[in-house]
Amino acid sequence: MKDLAPEQVLASLPIPPEAYAEELFLGVGRRAAEVDRLVAENATSWAIDRMPAVDRQLLRLATYELLDRPDVPLAVIIDEAVELAKQYSTDDSGRYVNGVLAAVAARVRPGEAKSR
């Protein structure tokens, strides 16, 4: 099956998503190469394509928010991703997601990351 563009995926949904969810989905799609590069550079012991799918998607979403949503506090972004990883992924995912996002945050929001 051919990959669909993010806009095509949204258009095919039976019910439109909340505006913020749509913004995040389109933003991750728009900045996919940069987001994946940042995740890969800050992930230890795992290639991005070998990560559990839930972890990979949470890292992509949170990395996009760190890059493009300065109005959302760093702690909120990381805490929400960690809680979702704990709830929906492996036993070690919360710690792993926290570590990768802390490293990404130190690069893209250095001032805010120091105060965390």
PDB file of N, CA and C in Angstrom:
ATOM      1  N   MET A   1       0.842  -1.188   0.000  1.00  0.00           N
ATOM      2  CA  MET A   1       0.000   0.000   0.000  1.00  0.00           C
ATOM      3  C   MET A   1       0.883   1.245   0.000  1.00  0.00           C
ATOM      4  N   LYS A   2       0.566   2.160  -0.837  1.00  0.00           N
ATOM      5  CA  LYS A   2       1.323   3.400  -0.944  1.00  0.00           C
ATOM      6  C   LYS A   2       1.053   4.283   0.276  1.00  0.00           C
ATOM      7  N   ASP A   3       2.131   4.944   0.756  1.00  0.00           N
ATOM      8  CA  ASP A   3       1.973   5.868   1.874  1.00  0.00           C
ATOM      9  C   ASP A   3       1.146   7.073   1.450  1.00  0.00           C
ATOM     10  N   LEU A   4       0.269   7.483   2.339  1.00  0.00           N
ATOM     11  CA  LEU A   4      -0.560   8.656   2.081  1.00  0.00           C
ATOM     12  C   LEU A   4       0.091   9.888   2.689  1.00  0.00           C
ATOM     13  N   ALA A   5      -0.122  11.024   2.067  1.00  0.00           N
ATOM     14  CA  ALA A   5       0.316  12.294   2.644  1.00  0.00           C
ATOM     15  C   ALA A   5      -0.534  12.566   3.882  1.00  0.00           C
ATOM     16  N   PRO A   6       0.014  13.271   4.866  1.00  0.00           N
ATOM     17  CA  PRO A   6      -0.756  13.554   6.083  1.00  0.00           C
ATOM     18  C   PRO A   6      -2.126  14.176   5.801  1.00  0.00           C
ATOM     19  N   GLU A   7      -2.203  15.066   4.822  1.00  0.00           N
ATOM     20  CA  GLU A   7      -3.478  15.697   4.490  1.00  0.00           C
ATOM     21  C   GLU A   7      -4.491  14.669   3.966  1.00  0.00           C
ATOM     22  N   GLN A   8      -4.002  13.679   3.235  1.00  0.00           N
ATOM     23  CA  GLN A   8      -4.874  12.626   2.718  1.00  0.00           C
ATOM     24  C   GLN A   8      -5.398  11.751   3.855  1.00  0.00           C
ATOM     25  N   VAL A   9      -4.536  11.477   4.815  1.00  0.00           N
ATOM     26  CA  VAL A   9      -4.965  10.689   5.973  1.00  0.00           C
ATOM     27  C   VAL A   9      -6.076  11.430   6.707  1.00  0.00           C
ATOM     28  N   LEU A  10      -5.873  12.712   6.957  1.00  0.00           N
ATOM     29  CA  LEU A  10      -6.891  13.502   7.662  1.00  0.00           C
ATOM     30  C   LEU A  10      -8.198  13.551   6.877  1.00  0.00           C
ATOM     31  N   ALA A  11      -8.099  13.701   5.571  1.00  0.00           N
ATOM     32  CA  ALA A  11      -9.299  13.774   4.741  1.00  0.00           C
ATOM     33  C   ALA A  11     -10.076  12.457   4.740  1.00  0.00           C
ATOM     34  N   SER A  12      -9.389  11.357   4.994  1.00  0.00           N
ATOM     35  CA  SER A  12     -10.057  10.051   4.964  1.00  0.00           C
ATOM     36  C   SER A  12     -10.708   9.675   6.295  1.00  0.00           C
ATOM     37  N   LEU A  13     -10.485  10.450   7.335  1.00  0.00           N
ATOM     38  CA  LEU A  13     -11.058  10.125   8.640  1.00  0.00           C
ATOM     39  C   LEU A  13     -12.564  10.347   8.645  1.00  0.00           C
ATOM     40  N   PRO A  14     -13.321   9.465   9.287  1.00  0.00           N
ATOM     41  CA  PRO A  14     -14.777   9.643   9.326  1.00  0.00           C
ATOM     42  C   PRO A  14     -15.202  10.830  10.190  1.00  0.00           C
ATOM     43  N   ILE A  15     -14.378  11.175  11.174  1.00  0.00           N
ATOM     44  CA  ILE A  15     -14.654  12.308  12.057  1.00  0.00           C
ATOM     45  C   ILE A  15     -13.374  13.133  12.137  1.00  0.00           C
ATOM     46  N   PRO A  16     -13.449  14.420  11.905  1.00  0.00           N
ATOM     47  CA  PRO A  16     -12.226  15.236  11.977  1.00  0.00           C
ATOM     48  C   PRO A  16     -11.666  15.263  13.397  1.00  0.00           C
ATOM     49  N   PRO A  17     -10.336  15.271  13.525  1.00  0.00           N
ATOM     50  CA  PRO A  17      -9.730  15.327  14.860  1.00  0.00           C
ATOM     51  C   PRO A  17      -9.839  16.732  15.462  1.00  0.00           C
ATOM     52  N   GLU A  18      -9.564  16.809  16.736  1.00  0.00           N
ATOM     53  CA  GLU A  18      -9.477  18.119  17.402  1.00  0.00           C
ATOM     54  C   GLU A  18      -8.423  18.957  16.682  1.00  0.00           C
ATOM     55  N   ALA A  19      -8.564  20.248  16.727  1.00  0.00           N
ATOM     56  CA  ALA A  19      -7.665  21.153  16.004  1.00  0.00           C
ATOM     57  C   ALA A  19      -6.209  20.972  16.428  1.00  0.00           C
ATOM     58  N   TYR A  20      -5.969  20.822  17.731  1.00  0.00           N
ATOM     59  CA  TYR A  20      -4.583  20.677  18.197  1.00  0.00           C
ATOM     60  C   TYR A  20      -3.991  19.354  17.726  1.00  0.00           C
ATOM     61  N   ALA A  21      -4.776  18.293  17.748  1.00  0.00           N
ATOM     62  CA  ALA A  21      -4.284  16.994  17.268  1.00  0.00           C
ATOM     63  C   ALA A  21      -3.937  17.087  15.781  1.00  0.00           C
ATOM     64  N   GLU A  22      -4.765  17.759  15.035  1.00  0.00           N
ATOM     65  CA  GLU A  22      -4.496  17.942  13.604  1.00  0.00           C
ATOM     66  C   GLU A  22      -3.213  18.738  13.400  1.00  0.00           C
ATOM     67  N   GLU A  23      -3.046  19.797  14.163  1.00  0.00           N
ATOM     68  CA  GLU A  23      -1.832  20.608  14.058  1.00  0.00           C
ATOM     69  C   GLU A  23      -0.594  19.767  14.336  1.00  0.00           C
ATOM     70  N   LEU A  24      -0.641  18.955  15.389  1.00  0.00           N
ATOM     71  CA  LEU A  24       0.507  18.114  15.729  1.00  0.00           C
ATOM     72  C   LEU A  24       0.784  17.089  14.637  1.00  0.00           C
ATOM     73  N   PHE A  25      -0.254  16.449  14.146  1.00  0.00           N
ATOM     74  CA  PHE A  25      -0.103  15.442  13.106  1.00  0.00           C
ATOM     75  C   PHE A  25       0.535  16.038  11.851  1.00  0.00           C
ATOM     76  N   LEU A  26       0.022  17.171  11.401  1.00  0.00           N
ATOM     77  CA  LEU A  26       0.563  17.815  10.216  1.00  0.00           C
ATOM     78  C   LEU A  26       1.976  18.339  10.459  1.00  0.00           C
ATOM     79  N   GLY A  27       2.220  18.852  11.655  1.00  0.00           N
ATOM     80  CA  GLY A  27       3.550  19.367  11.983  1.00  0.00           C
ATOM     81  C   GLY A  27       4.611  18.287  11.998  1.00  0.00           C
ATOM     82  N   VAL A  28       4.294  17.145  12.595  1.00  0.00           N
ATOM     83  CA  VAL A  28       5.243  16.026  12.591  1.00  0.00           C
ATOM     84  C   VAL A  28       5.504  15.594  11.147  1.00  0.00           C
ATOM     85  N   GLY A  29       4.462  15.531  10.343  1.00  0.00           N
ATOM     86  CA  GLY A  29       4.639  15.158   8.938  1.00  0.00           C
ATOM     87  C   GLY A  29       5.487  16.161   8.178  1.00  0.00           C
ATOM     88  N   ARG A  30       5.258  17.426   8.424  1.00  0.00           N
ATOM     89  CA  ARG A  30       5.988  18.494   7.730  1.00  0.00           C
ATOM     90  C   ARG A  30       7.466  18.505   8.109  1.00  0.00           C
ATOM     91  N   ARG A  31       7.766  18.197   9.374  1.00  0.00           N
ATOM     92  CA  ARG A  31       9.148  18.273   9.852  1.00  0.00           C
ATOM     93  C   ARG A  31       9.730  16.886  10.145  1.00  0.00           C
ATOM     94  N   ALA A  32       9.211  15.876   9.469  1.00  0.00           N
ATOM     95  CA  ALA A  32       9.576  14.482   9.756  1.00  0.00           C
ATOM     96  C   ALA A  32      11.079  14.231   9.707  1.00  0.00           C
ATOM     97  N   ALA A  33      11.756  14.724   8.697  1.00  0.00           N
ATOM     98  CA  ALA A  33      13.193  14.461   8.569  1.00  0.00           C
ATOM     99  C   ALA A  33      13.970  15.059   9.747  1.00  0.00           C
ATOM    100  N   GLU A  34      13.657  16.290  10.110  1.00  0.00           N
ATOM    101  CA  GLU A  34      14.351  16.945  11.224  1.00  0.00           C
ATOM    102  C   GLU A  34      14.006  16.271  12.550  1.00  0.00           C
ATOM    103  N   VAL A  35      12.747  15.944  12.740  1.00  0.00           N
ATOM    104  CA  VAL A  35      12.311  15.275  13.971  1.00  0.00           C
ATOM    105  C   VAL A  35      13.014  13.935  14.114  1.00  0.00           C
ATOM    106  N   ASP A  36      13.013  13.124  13.062  1.00  0.00           N
ATOM    107  CA  ASP A  36      13.666  11.817  13.132  1.00  0.00           C
ATOM    108  C   ASP A  36      15.170  11.942  13.350  1.00  0.00           C
ATOM    109  N   ARG A  37      15.786  12.948  12.745  1.00  0.00           N
ATOM    110  CA  ARG A  37      17.221  13.164  12.954  1.00  0.00           C
ATOM    111  C   ARG A  37      17.511  13.465  14.414  1.00  0.00           C
ATOM    112  N   LEU A  38      16.724  14.354  15.015  1.00  0.00           N
ATOM    113  CA  LEU A  38      16.929  14.693  16.423  1.00  0.00           C
ATOM    114  C   LEU A  38      16.698  13.493  17.340  1.00  0.00           C
ATOM    115  N   VAL A  39      15.650  12.732  17.075  1.00  0.00           N
ATOM    116  CA  VAL A  39      15.387  11.543  17.891  1.00  0.00           C
ATOM    117  C   VAL A  39      16.545  10.561  17.746  1.00  0.00           C
ATOM    118  N   ALA A  40      16.960  10.282  16.519  1.00  0.00           N
ATOM    119  CA  ALA A  40      18.032   9.310  16.275  1.00  0.00           C
ATOM    120  C   ALA A  40      19.351   9.743  16.920  1.00  0.00           C
ATOM    121  N   GLU A  41      19.667  11.027  16.832  1.00  0.00           N
ATOM    122  CA  GLU A  41      20.924  11.523  17.399  1.00  0.00           C
ATOM    123  C   GLU A  41      20.946  11.465  18.930  1.00  0.00           C
ATOM    124  N   ASN A  42      19.775  11.473  19.542  1.00  0.00           N
ATOM    125  CA  ASN A  42      19.707  11.500  21.001  1.00  0.00           C
ATOM    126  C   ASN A  42      19.240  10.186  21.621  1.00  0.00           C
ATOM    127  N   ALA A  43      18.926   9.228  20.796  1.00  0.00           N
ATOM    128  CA  ALA A  43      18.518   7.906  21.279  1.00  0.00           C
ATOM    129  C   ALA A  43      19.778   7.061  21.463  1.00  0.00           C
ATOM    130  N   THR A  44      19.879   6.433  22.587  1.00  0.00           N
ATOM    131  CA  THR A  44      21.016   5.561  22.831  1.00  0.00           C
ATOM    132  C   THR A  44      20.567   4.117  22.752  1.00  0.00           C
ATOM    133  N   SER A  45      21.344   3.315  22.106  1.00  0.00           N
ATOM    134  CA  SER A  45      21.138   1.869  22.013  1.00  0.00           C
ATOM    135  C   SER A  45      20.013   1.441  21.083  1.00  0.00           C
ATOM    136  N   TRP A  46      19.306   2.353  20.465  1.00  0.00           N
ATOM    137  CA  TRP A  46      18.198   1.978  19.582  1.00  0.00           C
ATOM    138  C   TRP A  46      18.229   2.806  18.308  1.00  0.00           C
ATOM    139  N   ALA A  47      18.163   2.134  17.176  1.00  0.00           N
ATOM    140  CA  ALA A  47      17.925   2.832  15.917  1.00  0.00           C
ATOM    141  C   ALA A  47      16.442   3.176  15.895  1.00  0.00           C
ATOM    142  N   ILE A  48      16.097   4.268  15.288  1.00  0.00           N
ATOM    143  CA  ILE A  48      14.711   4.733  15.326  1.00  0.00           C
ATOM    144  C   ILE A  48      13.735   3.693  14.768  1.00  0.00           C
ATOM    145  N   ASP A  49      14.142   2.964  13.740  1.00  0.00           N
ATOM    146  CA  ASP A  49      13.245   1.963  13.154  1.00  0.00           C
ATOM    147  C   ASP A  49      13.158   0.687  13.981  1.00  0.00           C
ATOM    148  N   ARG A  50      13.975   0.560  15.014  1.00  0.00           N
ATOM    149  CA  ARG A  50      13.938  -0.612  15.888  1.00  0.00           C
ATOM    150  C   ARG A  50      13.250  -0.332  17.229  1.00  0.00           C
ATOM    151  N   MET A  51      12.865   0.892  17.459  1.00  0.00           N
ATOM    152  CA  MET A  51      12.183   1.256  18.706  1.00  0.00           C
ATOM    153  C   MET A  51      10.778   0.671  18.709  1.00  0.00           C
ATOM    154  N   PRO A  52      10.235   0.422  19.902  1.00  0.00           N
ATOM    155  CA  PRO A  52       8.809   0.076  19.945  1.00  0.00           C
ATOM    156  C   PRO A  52       8.006   1.189  19.264  1.00  0.00           C
ATOM    157  N   ALA A  53       6.998   0.814  18.504  1.00  0.00           N
ATOM    158  CA  ALA A  53       6.228   1.779  17.700  1.00  0.00           C
ATOM    159  C   ALA A  53       5.639   2.906  18.548  1.00  0.00           C
ATOM    160  N   VAL A  54       5.136   2.578  19.726  1.00  0.00           N
ATOM    161  CA  VAL A  54       4.547   3.611  20.582  1.00  0.00           C
ATOM    162  C   VAL A  54       5.625   4.605  21.013  1.00  0.00           C
ATOM    163  N   ASP A  55       6.790   4.104  21.421  1.00  0.00           N
ATOM    164  CA  ASP A  55       7.880   4.997  21.829  1.00  0.00           C
ATOM    165  C   ASP A  55       8.297   5.906  20.685  1.00  0.00           C
ATOM    166  N   ARG A  56       8.464   5.315  19.517  1.00  0.00           N
ATOM    167  CA  ARG A  56       8.892   6.083  18.347  1.00  0.00           C
ATOM    168  C   ARG A  56       7.914   7.219  18.045  1.00  0.00           C
ATOM    169  N   GLN A  57       6.621   6.933  18.067  1.00  0.00           N
ATOM    170  CA  GLN A  57       5.635   7.963  17.753  1.00  0.00           C
ATOM    171  C   GLN A  57       5.544   9.027  18.852  1.00  0.00           C
ATOM    172  N   LEU A  58       5.652   8.604  20.100  1.00  0.00           N
ATOM    173  CA  LEU A  58       5.641   9.585  21.192  1.00  0.00           C
ATOM    174  C   LEU A  58       6.864  10.492  21.113  1.00  0.00           C
ATOM    175  N   LEU A  59       8.017   9.925  20.793  1.00  0.00           N
ATOM    176  CA  LEU A  59       9.230  10.735  20.653  1.00  0.00           C
ATOM    177  C   LEU A  59       9.101  11.711  19.492  1.00  0.00           C
ATOM    178  N   ARG A  60       8.513  11.278  18.410  1.00  0.00           N
ATOM    179  CA  ARG A  60       8.311  12.176  17.271  1.00  0.00           C
ATOM    180  C   ARG A  60       7.366  13.321  17.635  1.00  0.00           C
ATOM    181  N   LEU A  61       6.276  12.997  18.253  1.00  0.00           N
ATOM    182  CA  LEU A  61       5.289  14.002  18.626  1.00  0.00           C
ATOM    183  C   LEU A  61       5.884  15.021  19.600  1.00  0.00           C
ATOM    184  N   ALA A  62       6.527  14.521  20.645  1.00  0.00           N
ATOM    185  CA  ALA A  62       7.094  15.414  21.653  1.00  0.00           C
ATOM    186  C   ALA A  62       8.247  16.242  21.083  1.00  0.00           C
ATOM    187  N   THR A  63       9.057  15.656  20.216  1.00  0.00           N
ATOM    188  CA  THR A  63      10.150  16.411  19.603  1.00  0.00           C
ATOM    189  C   THR A  63       9.598  17.536  18.743  1.00  0.00           C
ATOM    190  N   TYR A  64       8.550  17.252  17.999  1.00  0.00           N
ATOM    191  CA  TYR A  64       7.912  18.319  17.216  1.00  0.00           C
ATOM    192  C   TYR A  64       7.429  19.438  18.149  1.00  0.00           C
ATOM    193  N   GLU A  65       6.780  19.077  19.237  1.00  0.00           N
ATOM    194  CA  GLU A  65       6.293  20.099  20.173  1.00  0.00           C
ATOM    195  C   GLU A  65       7.459  20.911  20.734  1.00  0.00           C
ATOM    196  N   LEU A  66       8.565  20.253  21.050  1.00  0.00           N
ATOM    197  CA  LEU A  66       9.733  20.975  21.559  1.00  0.00           C
ATOM    198  C   LEU A  66      10.248  21.974  20.518  1.00  0.00           C
ATOM    199  N   LEU A  67      10.184  21.602  19.266  1.00  0.00           N
ATOM    200  CA  LEU A  67      10.662  22.480  18.193  1.00  0.00           C
ATOM    201  C   LEU A  67       9.707  23.622  17.879  1.00  0.00           C
ATOM    202  N   ASP A  68       8.436  23.327  17.754  1.00  0.00           N
ATOM    203  CA  ASP A  68       7.486  24.283  17.169  1.00  0.00           C
ATOM    204  C   ASP A  68       6.435  24.842  18.116  1.00  0.00           C
ATOM    205  N   ARG A  69       6.416  24.405  19.338  1.00  0.00           N
ATOM    206  CA  ARG A  69       5.398  24.894  20.274  1.00  0.00           C
ATOM    207  C   ARG A  69       6.051  25.477  21.528  1.00  0.00           C
ATOM    208  N   PRO A  70       6.715  26.622  21.391  1.00  0.00           N
ATOM    209  CA  PRO A  70       7.373  27.228  22.558  1.00  0.00           C
ATOM    210  C   PRO A  70       6.377  27.650  23.639  1.00  0.00           C
ATOM    211  N   ASP A  71       5.088  27.739  23.272  1.00  0.00           N
ATOM    212  CA  ASP A  71       4.065  28.101  24.245  1.00  0.00           C
ATOM    213  C   ASP A  71       3.729  26.940  25.189  1.00  0.00           C
ATOM    214  N   VAL A  72       4.140  25.731  24.826  1.00  0.00           N
ATOM    215  CA  VAL A  72       3.895  24.571  25.687  1.00  0.00           C
ATOM    216  C   VAL A  72       5.154  24.338  26.510  1.00  0.00           C
ATOM    217  N   PRO A  73       5.050  24.382  27.837  1.00  0.00           N
ATOM    218  CA  PRO A  73       6.240  24.208  28.678  1.00  0.00           C
ATOM    219  C   PRO A  73       6.929  22.869  28.457  1.00  0.00           C
ATOM    220  N   LEU A  74       8.243  22.903  28.485  1.00  0.00           N
ATOM    221  CA  LEU A  74       9.051  21.708  28.301  1.00  0.00           C
ATOM    222  C   LEU A  74       8.618  20.594  29.244  1.00  0.00           C
ATOM    223  N   ALA A  75       8.414  20.903  30.501  1.00  0.00           N
ATOM    224  CA  ALA A  75       8.031  19.875  31.481  1.00  0.00           C
ATOM    225  C   ALA A  75       6.707  19.208  31.106  1.00  0.00           C
ATOM    226  N   VAL A  76       5.776  19.965  30.585  1.00  0.00           N
ATOM    227  CA  VAL A  76       4.481  19.401  30.190  1.00  0.00           C
ATOM    228  C   VAL A  76       4.670  18.430  29.025  1.00  0.00           C
ATOM    229  N   ILE A  77       5.450  18.826  28.038  1.00  0.00           N
ATOM    230  CA  ILE A  77       5.693  17.967  26.878  1.00  0.00           C
ATOM    231  C   ILE A  77       6.315  16.651  27.315  1.00  0.00           C
ATOM    232  N   ILE A  78       7.383  16.728  28.090  1.00  0.00           N
ATOM    233  CA  ILE A  78       8.092  15.514  28.500  1.00  0.00           C
ATOM    234  C   ILE A  78       7.225  14.666  29.423  1.00  0.00           C
ATOM    235  N   ASP A  79       6.597  15.278  30.411  1.00  0.00           N
ATOM    236  CA  ASP A  79       5.778  14.510  31.360  1.00  0.00           C
ATOM    237  C   ASP A  79       4.634  13.776  30.669  1.00  0.00           C
ATOM    238  N   GLU A  80       3.973  14.430  29.710  1.00  0.00           N
ATOM    239  CA  GLU A  80       2.870  13.771  29.015  1.00  0.00           C
ATOM    240  C   GLU A  80       3.376  12.596  28.176  1.00  0.00           C
ATOM    241  N   ALA A  81       4.495  12.774  27.489  1.00  0.00           N
ATOM    242  CA  ALA A  81       5.051  11.678  26.681  1.00  0.00           C
ATOM    243  C   ALA A  81       5.468  10.509  27.574  1.00  0.00           C
ATOM    244  N   VAL A  82       6.075  10.805  28.709  1.00  0.00           N
ATOM    245  CA  VAL A  82       6.507   9.750  29.635  1.00  0.00           C
ATOM    246  C   VAL A  82       5.300   8.989  30.180  1.00  0.00           C
ATOM    247  N   GLU A  83       4.266   9.699  30.577  1.00  0.00           N
ATOM    248  CA  GLU A  83       3.071   9.026  31.113  1.00  0.00           C
ATOM    249  C   GLU A  83       2.397   8.145  30.064  1.00  0.00           C
ATOM    250  N   LEU A  84       2.334   8.626  28.835  1.00  0.00           N
ATOM    251  CA  LEU A  84       1.754   7.808  27.762  1.00  0.00           C
ATOM    252  C   LEU A  84       2.616   6.579  27.487  1.00  0.00           C
ATOM    253  N   ALA A  85       3.932   6.744  27.529  1.00  0.00           N
ATOM    254  CA  ALA A  85       4.828   5.598  27.323  1.00  0.00           C
ATOM    255  C   ALA A  85       4.649   4.565  28.431  1.00  0.00           C
ATOM    256  N   LYS A  86       4.540   5.027  29.658  1.00  0.00           N
ATOM    257  CA  LYS A  86       4.331   4.103  30.782  1.00  0.00           C
ATOM    258  C   LYS A  86       3.019   3.341  30.629  1.00  0.00           C
ATOM    259  N   GLN A  87       1.998   4.037  30.169  1.00  0.00           N
ATOM    260  CA  GLN A  87       0.675   3.431  30.068  1.00  0.00           C
ATOM    261  C   GLN A  87       0.538   2.496  28.869  1.00  0.00           C
ATOM    262  N   TYR A  88       1.140   2.848  27.736  1.00  0.00           N
ATOM    263  CA  TYR A  88       0.863   2.124  26.504  1.00  0.00           C
ATOM    264  C   TYR A  88       2.043   1.350  25.915  1.00  0.00           C
ATOM    265  N   SER A  89       3.221   1.423  26.534  1.00  0.00           N
ATOM    266  CA  SER A  89       4.366   0.735  25.945  1.00  0.00           C
ATOM    267  C   SER A  89       4.997  -0.208  26.957  1.00  0.00           C
ATOM    268  N   THR A  90       6.289  -0.422  26.858  1.00  0.00           N
ATOM    269  CA  THR A  90       6.979  -1.410  27.687  1.00  0.00           C
ATOM    270  C   THR A  90       7.256  -0.877  29.087  1.00  0.00           C
ATOM    271  N   ASP A  91       7.687  -1.757  29.968  1.00  0.00           N
ATOM    272  CA  ASP A  91       7.997  -1.362  31.344  1.00  0.00           C
ATOM    273  C   ASP A  91       9.117  -0.321  31.416  1.00  0.00           C
ATOM    274  N   ASP A  92      10.059  -0.370  30.487  1.00  0.00           N
ATOM    275  CA  ASP A  92      11.194   0.556  30.501  1.00  0.00           C
ATOM    276  C   ASP A  92      10.980   1.808  29.655  1.00  0.00           C
ATOM    277  N   SER A  93       9.861   1.880  28.972  1.00  0.00           N
ATOM    278  CA  SER A  93       9.647   2.971  28.019  1.00  0.00           C
ATOM    279  C   SER A  93       9.587   4.350  28.655  1.00  0.00           C
ATOM    280  N   GLY A  94       8.996   4.474  29.809  1.00  0.00           N
ATOM    281  CA  GLY A  94       8.905   5.784  30.457  1.00  0.00           C
ATOM    282  C   GLY A  94      10.275   6.393  30.693  1.00  0.00           C
ATOM    283  N   ARG A  95      11.174   5.605  31.244  1.00  0.00           N
ATOM    284  CA  ARG A  95      12.537   6.101  31.499  1.00  0.00           C
ATOM    285  C   ARG A  95      13.258   6.417  30.192  1.00  0.00           C
ATOM    286  N   TYR A  96      13.086   5.546  29.212  1.00  0.00           N
ATOM    287  CA  TYR A  96      13.761   5.746  27.933  1.00  0.00           C
ATOM    288  C   TYR A  96      13.262   7.016  27.242  1.00  0.00           C
ATOM    289  N   VAL A  97      11.968   7.180  27.158  1.00  0.00           N
ATOM    290  CA  VAL A  97      11.384   8.371  26.531  1.00  0.00           C
ATOM    291  C   VAL A  97      11.840   9.625  27.275  1.00  0.00           C
ATOM    292  N   ASN A  98      11.849   9.579  28.593  1.00  0.00           N
ATOM    293  CA  ASN A  98      12.309  10.713  29.393  1.00  0.00           C
ATOM    294  C   ASN A  98      13.757  11.077  29.042  1.00  0.00           C
ATOM    295  N   GLY A  99      14.624  10.077  28.959  1.00  0.00           N
ATOM    296  CA  GLY A  99      16.034  10.331  28.668  1.00  0.00           C
ATOM    297  C   GLY A  99      16.256  10.919  27.285  1.00  0.00           C
ATOM    298  N   VAL A 100      15.586  10.355  26.291  1.00  0.00           N
ATOM    299  CA  VAL A 100      15.748  10.862  24.924  1.00  0.00           C
ATOM    300  C   VAL A 100      15.209  12.286  24.818  1.00  0.00           C
ATOM    301  N   LEU A 101      14.044  12.528  25.381  1.00  0.00           N
ATOM    302  CA  LEU A 101      13.462  13.873  25.283  1.00  0.00           C
ATOM    303  C   LEU A 101      14.260  14.899  26.078  1.00  0.00           C
ATOM    304  N   ALA A 102      14.828  14.506  27.199  1.00  0.00           N
ATOM    305  CA  ALA A 102      15.681  15.435  27.955  1.00  0.00           C
ATOM    306  C   ALA A 102      16.887  15.836  27.108  1.00  0.00           C
ATOM    307  N   ALA A 103      17.466  14.880  26.377  1.00  0.00           N
ATOM    308  CA  ALA A 103      18.608  15.184  25.516  1.00  0.00           C
ATOM    309  C   ALA A 103      18.189  16.071  24.342  1.00  0.00           C
ATOM    310  N   VAL A 104      17.045  15.787  23.746  1.00  0.00           N
ATOM    311  CA  VAL A 104      16.540  16.627  22.652  1.00  0.00           C
ATOM    312  C   VAL A 104      16.284  18.036  23.172  1.00  0.00           C
ATOM    313  N   ALA A 105      15.642  18.142  24.328  1.00  0.00           N
ATOM    314  CA  ALA A 105      15.326  19.452  24.913  1.00  0.00           C
ATOM    315  C   ALA A 105      16.587  20.258  25.188  1.00  0.00           C
ATOM    316  N   ALA A 106      17.634  19.605  25.641  1.00  0.00           N
ATOM    317  CA  ALA A 106      18.891  20.310  25.910  1.00  0.00           C
ATOM    318  C   ALA A 106      19.454  20.936  24.635  1.00  0.00           C
ATOM    319  N   ARG A 107      19.155  20.349  23.506  1.00  0.00           N
ATOM    320  CA  ARG A 107      19.631  20.884  22.226  1.00  0.00           C
ATOM    321  C   ARG A 107      18.716  21.954  21.658  1.00  0.00           C
ATOM    322  N   VAL A 108      17.406  21.766  21.768  1.00  0.00           N
ATOM    323  CA  VAL A 108      16.488  22.690  21.083  1.00  0.00           C
ATOM    324  C   VAL A 108      15.900  23.753  22.003  1.00  0.00           C
ATOM    325  N   ARG A 109      15.945  23.522  23.305  1.00  0.00           N
ATOM    326  CA  ARG A 109      15.487  24.515  24.284  1.00  0.00           C
ATOM    327  C   ARG A 109      16.482  24.556  25.444  1.00  0.00           C
ATOM    328  N   PRO A 110      17.723  24.932  25.166  1.00  0.00           N
ATOM    329  CA  PRO A 110      18.777  24.814  26.192  1.00  0.00           C
ATOM    330  C   PRO A 110      18.508  25.597  27.469  1.00  0.00           C
ATOM    331  N   GLY A 111      17.995  26.806  27.366  1.00  0.00           N
ATOM    332  CA  GLY A 111      17.716  27.595  28.568  1.00  0.00           C
ATOM    333  C   GLY A 111      16.656  26.976  29.447  1.00  0.00           C
ATOM    334  N   GLU A 112      15.603  26.510  28.818  1.00  0.00           N
ATOM    335  CA  GLU A 112      14.491  25.911  29.551  1.00  0.00           C
ATOM    336  C   GLU A 112      14.895  24.550  30.127  1.00  0.00           C
ATOM    337  N   ALA A 113      15.715  23.795  29.397  1.00  0.00           N
ATOM    338  CA  ALA A 113      16.128  22.460  29.835  1.00  0.00           C
ATOM    339  C   ALA A 113      17.004  22.529  31.076  1.00  0.00           C
ATOM    340  N   LYS A 114      17.834  23.565  31.186  1.00  0.00           N
ATOM    341  CA  LYS A 114      18.698  23.702  32.357  1.00  0.00           C
ATOM    342  C   LYS A 114      17.914  23.908  33.629  1.00  0.00           C
ATOM    343  N   SER A 115      16.789  24.584  33.530  1.00  0.00           N
ATOM    344  CA  SER A 115      16.004  24.895  34.717  1.00  0.00           C
ATOM    345  C   SER A 115      15.087  23.754  35.130  1.00  0.00           C
ATOM    346  N   ARG A 116      15.034  22.690  34.347  1.00  0.00           N
ATOM    347  CA  ARG A 116      14.134  21.567  34.658  1.00  0.00           C
ATOM    348  C   ARG A 116      14.700  20.707  35.733  1.00  0.00           C
TER     349      ARG A 116
END
